[in-house]
Amino acid sequence: MLGRVSLIALCLAFSCGMPANAADADGIVMVWLGQGAGALECPRVVSFMTRARVAATGTLEYSIKTQGFMNFIAGFQTAYNMQTSQTCDIFSGISAQEALEWTENWCRANPSQNFGIGVSALARERYPQRSTACH
């Protein structure tokens, strides 16, 4: 029994540092390299978002295709809120969908950058409108 558990633990240890591949219904593959969506280059973000939009905002297919981006934005938002004084919510007043669309448009204008830099740019723009008090 200990041998089987050791083998499973060894496999898990080796798989943690490896890229994870996922393909959509069209066979388009996204490679997540531990850094997630934040490291994805803007042209690829725009490409993924264009394909997702074909499925229509609000559909299950759209949600599946944009989930990595939404998760990155939510994680960024939580970390930013926790680490920035006088900030309860950096993205106060906008929805997650609006944050994603803003970042996609930023990526269109800044193709040499990556998604994470775009989300940071959104935070800089939203800073004056941030919520400073948590109720």
Protein backbone atom coordinates (compact mmCIF):
# COMPACT_ATOMS: atom_id res chain seq x y z
CA MET A 1 0.00 0.00 0.00
CA LEU A 2 2.79 2.43 0.87
CA GLY A 3 4.32 1.82 -2.56
CA ARG A 4 1.13 2.84 -4.35
CA VAL A 5 0.75 5.99 -2.22
CA SER A 6 4.39 6.90 -2.88
CA LEU A 7 3.90 6.43 -6.61
CA ILE A 8 0.80 8.64 -6.59
CA ALA A 9 2.63 11.31 -4.59
CA LEU A 10 5.57 11.17 -7.02
CA CYS A 11 3.26 11.55 -10.02
CA LEU A 12 1.51 14.50 -8.41
CA ALA A 13 4.82 16.15 -7.60
CA PHE A 14 5.99 15.88 -11.20
CA SER A 15 2.70 17.06 -12.65
CA CYS A 16 2.51 20.24 -10.53
CA GLY A 17 5.24 22.02 -12.46
CA MET A 18 4.13 20.94 -15.91
CA PRO A 19 1.97 22.96 -18.29
CA ALA A 20 -1.68 22.04 -18.41
CA ASN A 21 -3.31 22.02 -21.82
CA ALA A 22 -6.98 22.55 -22.52
CA ALA A 23 -8.78 22.66 -25.82
CA ASP A 24 -12.13 24.16 -26.64
CA ALA A 25 -14.70 22.54 -28.94
CA ASP A 26 -12.83 23.96 -31.95
CA GLY A 27 -9.60 22.30 -30.86
CA ILE A 28 -7.98 25.61 -29.98
CA VAL A 29 -5.46 24.91 -27.25
CA MET A 30 -4.56 27.23 -24.39
CA VAL A 31 -1.42 26.46 -22.40
CA TRP A 32 -1.42 27.53 -18.76
CA LEU A 33 2.12 27.70 -17.37
CA GLY A 34 1.63 28.06 -13.65
CA GLN A 35 1.24 31.83 -14.04
CA GLY A 36 -2.19 31.39 -15.55
CA ALA A 37 -4.11 33.89 -17.61
CA GLY A 38 -2.06 36.82 -16.37
CA ALA A 39 0.94 35.69 -18.42
CA LEU A 40 -1.04 35.23 -21.63
CA GLU A 41 0.02 37.61 -24.41
CA CYS A 42 -2.58 40.15 -25.46
CA PRO A 43 -3.03 38.90 -29.06
CA ARG A 44 -3.98 35.47 -27.68
CA VAL A 45 -6.37 37.08 -25.19
CA VAL A 46 -8.10 38.94 -28.01
CA SER A 47 -8.28 35.73 -30.04
CA PHE A 48 -9.80 33.76 -27.16
CA MET A 49 -12.31 36.54 -26.43
CA THR A 50 -13.31 36.75 -30.10
CA ARG A 51 -14.03 33.01 -30.13
CA ALA A 52 -15.89 33.23 -26.82
CA ARG A 53 -18.09 36.05 -28.10
CA VAL A 54 -19.30 33.80 -30.94
CA ALA A 55 -20.97 31.74 -28.21
CA ALA A 56 -22.71 34.89 -26.88
CA THR A 57 -22.16 36.53 -23.52
CA GLY A 58 -24.03 34.80 -20.74
CA THR A 59 -24.08 31.33 -22.28
CA LEU A 60 -22.42 28.35 -20.66
CA GLU A 61 -19.94 28.07 -23.54
CA TYR A 62 -18.95 31.73 -23.14
CA SER A 63 -18.49 31.24 -19.41
CA ILE A 64 -16.29 28.20 -19.93
CA LYS A 65 -14.12 30.02 -22.48
CA THR A 66 -13.66 33.12 -20.28
CA GLN A 67 -13.40 31.42 -16.88
CA GLY A 68 -9.61 31.65 -16.65
CA PHE A 69 -9.67 35.38 -17.34
CA MET A 70 -12.50 36.00 -14.87
CA ASN A 71 -10.68 33.97 -12.21
CA PHE A 72 -7.51 35.99 -12.74
CA ILE A 73 -9.40 39.27 -12.41
CA ALA A 74 -11.13 38.07 -9.22
CA GLY A 75 -7.85 36.89 -7.71
CA PHE A 76 -6.11 40.13 -8.64
CA GLN A 77 -8.98 42.12 -7.15
CA THR A 78 -8.85 40.21 -3.86
CA ALA A 79 -5.06 40.51 -3.55
CA TYR A 80 -5.12 44.21 -4.47
CA ASN A 81 -7.87 44.93 -1.95
CA MET A 82 -6.01 43.09 0.82
CA GLN A 83 -2.66 44.75 0.15
CA THR A 84 -3.64 48.34 -0.59
CA SER A 85 -4.43 50.70 2.25
CA GLN A 86 -7.71 52.60 2.15
CA THR A 87 -9.07 50.18 -0.45
CA CYS A 88 -12.04 47.93 0.13
CA ASP A 89 -12.79 47.25 -3.55
CA ILE A 90 -10.55 48.43 -6.39
CA PHE A 91 -13.17 47.54 -9.00
CA SER A 92 -16.13 49.08 -7.19
CA GLY A 93 -18.87 50.18 -9.57
CA ILE A 94 -18.02 47.80 -12.43
CA SER A 95 -18.96 44.18 -13.00
CA ALA A 96 -16.52 41.37 -13.63
CA GLN A 97 -17.77 41.31 -17.24
CA GLU A 98 -17.02 45.02 -17.62
CA ALA A 99 -13.55 44.50 -16.16
CA LEU A 100 -12.91 41.70 -18.67
CA GLU A 101 -14.15 43.78 -21.60
CA TRP A 102 -12.04 46.77 -20.52
CA THR A 103 -8.95 44.56 -20.30
CA GLU A 104 -9.67 42.98 -23.68
CA ASN A 105 -9.89 46.45 -25.25
CA TRP A 106 -6.68 47.44 -23.48
CA CYS A 107 -5.04 44.33 -24.95
CA ARG A 108 -6.18 45.34 -28.44
CA ALA A 109 -4.40 48.68 -27.95
CA ASN A 110 -1.31 47.11 -26.33
CA PRO A 111 -0.53 43.92 -28.26
CA SER A 112 3.02 43.62 -26.96
CA GLN A 113 1.80 43.28 -23.36
CA ASN A 114 0.09 40.49 -21.43
CA PHE A 115 -3.27 40.12 -19.73
CA GLY A 116 -1.92 40.66 -16.21
CA ILE A 117 -0.42 44.03 -17.15
CA GLY A 118 -3.81 44.98 -18.60
CA VAL A 119 -5.60 44.13 -15.35
CA SER A 120 -3.01 46.23 -13.50
CA ALA A 121 -3.73 49.11 -15.89
CA LEU A 122 -7.43 48.76 -15.09
CA ALA A 123 -6.64 48.97 -11.37
CA ARG A 124 -4.63 52.16 -11.93
CA GLU A 125 -7.51 53.68 -13.88
CA ARG A 126 -10.13 52.62 -11.31
CA TYR A 127 -8.12 53.72 -8.26
CA PRO A 128 -9.86 57.12 -7.90
CA GLN A 129 -13.28 55.39 -7.98
CA ARG A 130 -12.34 52.57 -5.59
CA SER A 131 -14.45 51.84 -2.55
CA THR A 132 -12.50 52.88 0.55
CA ALA A 133 -14.96 51.63 3.18
CA CYS A 134 -16.26 48.09 3.56
CA HIS A 135 -19.82 47.89 4.85
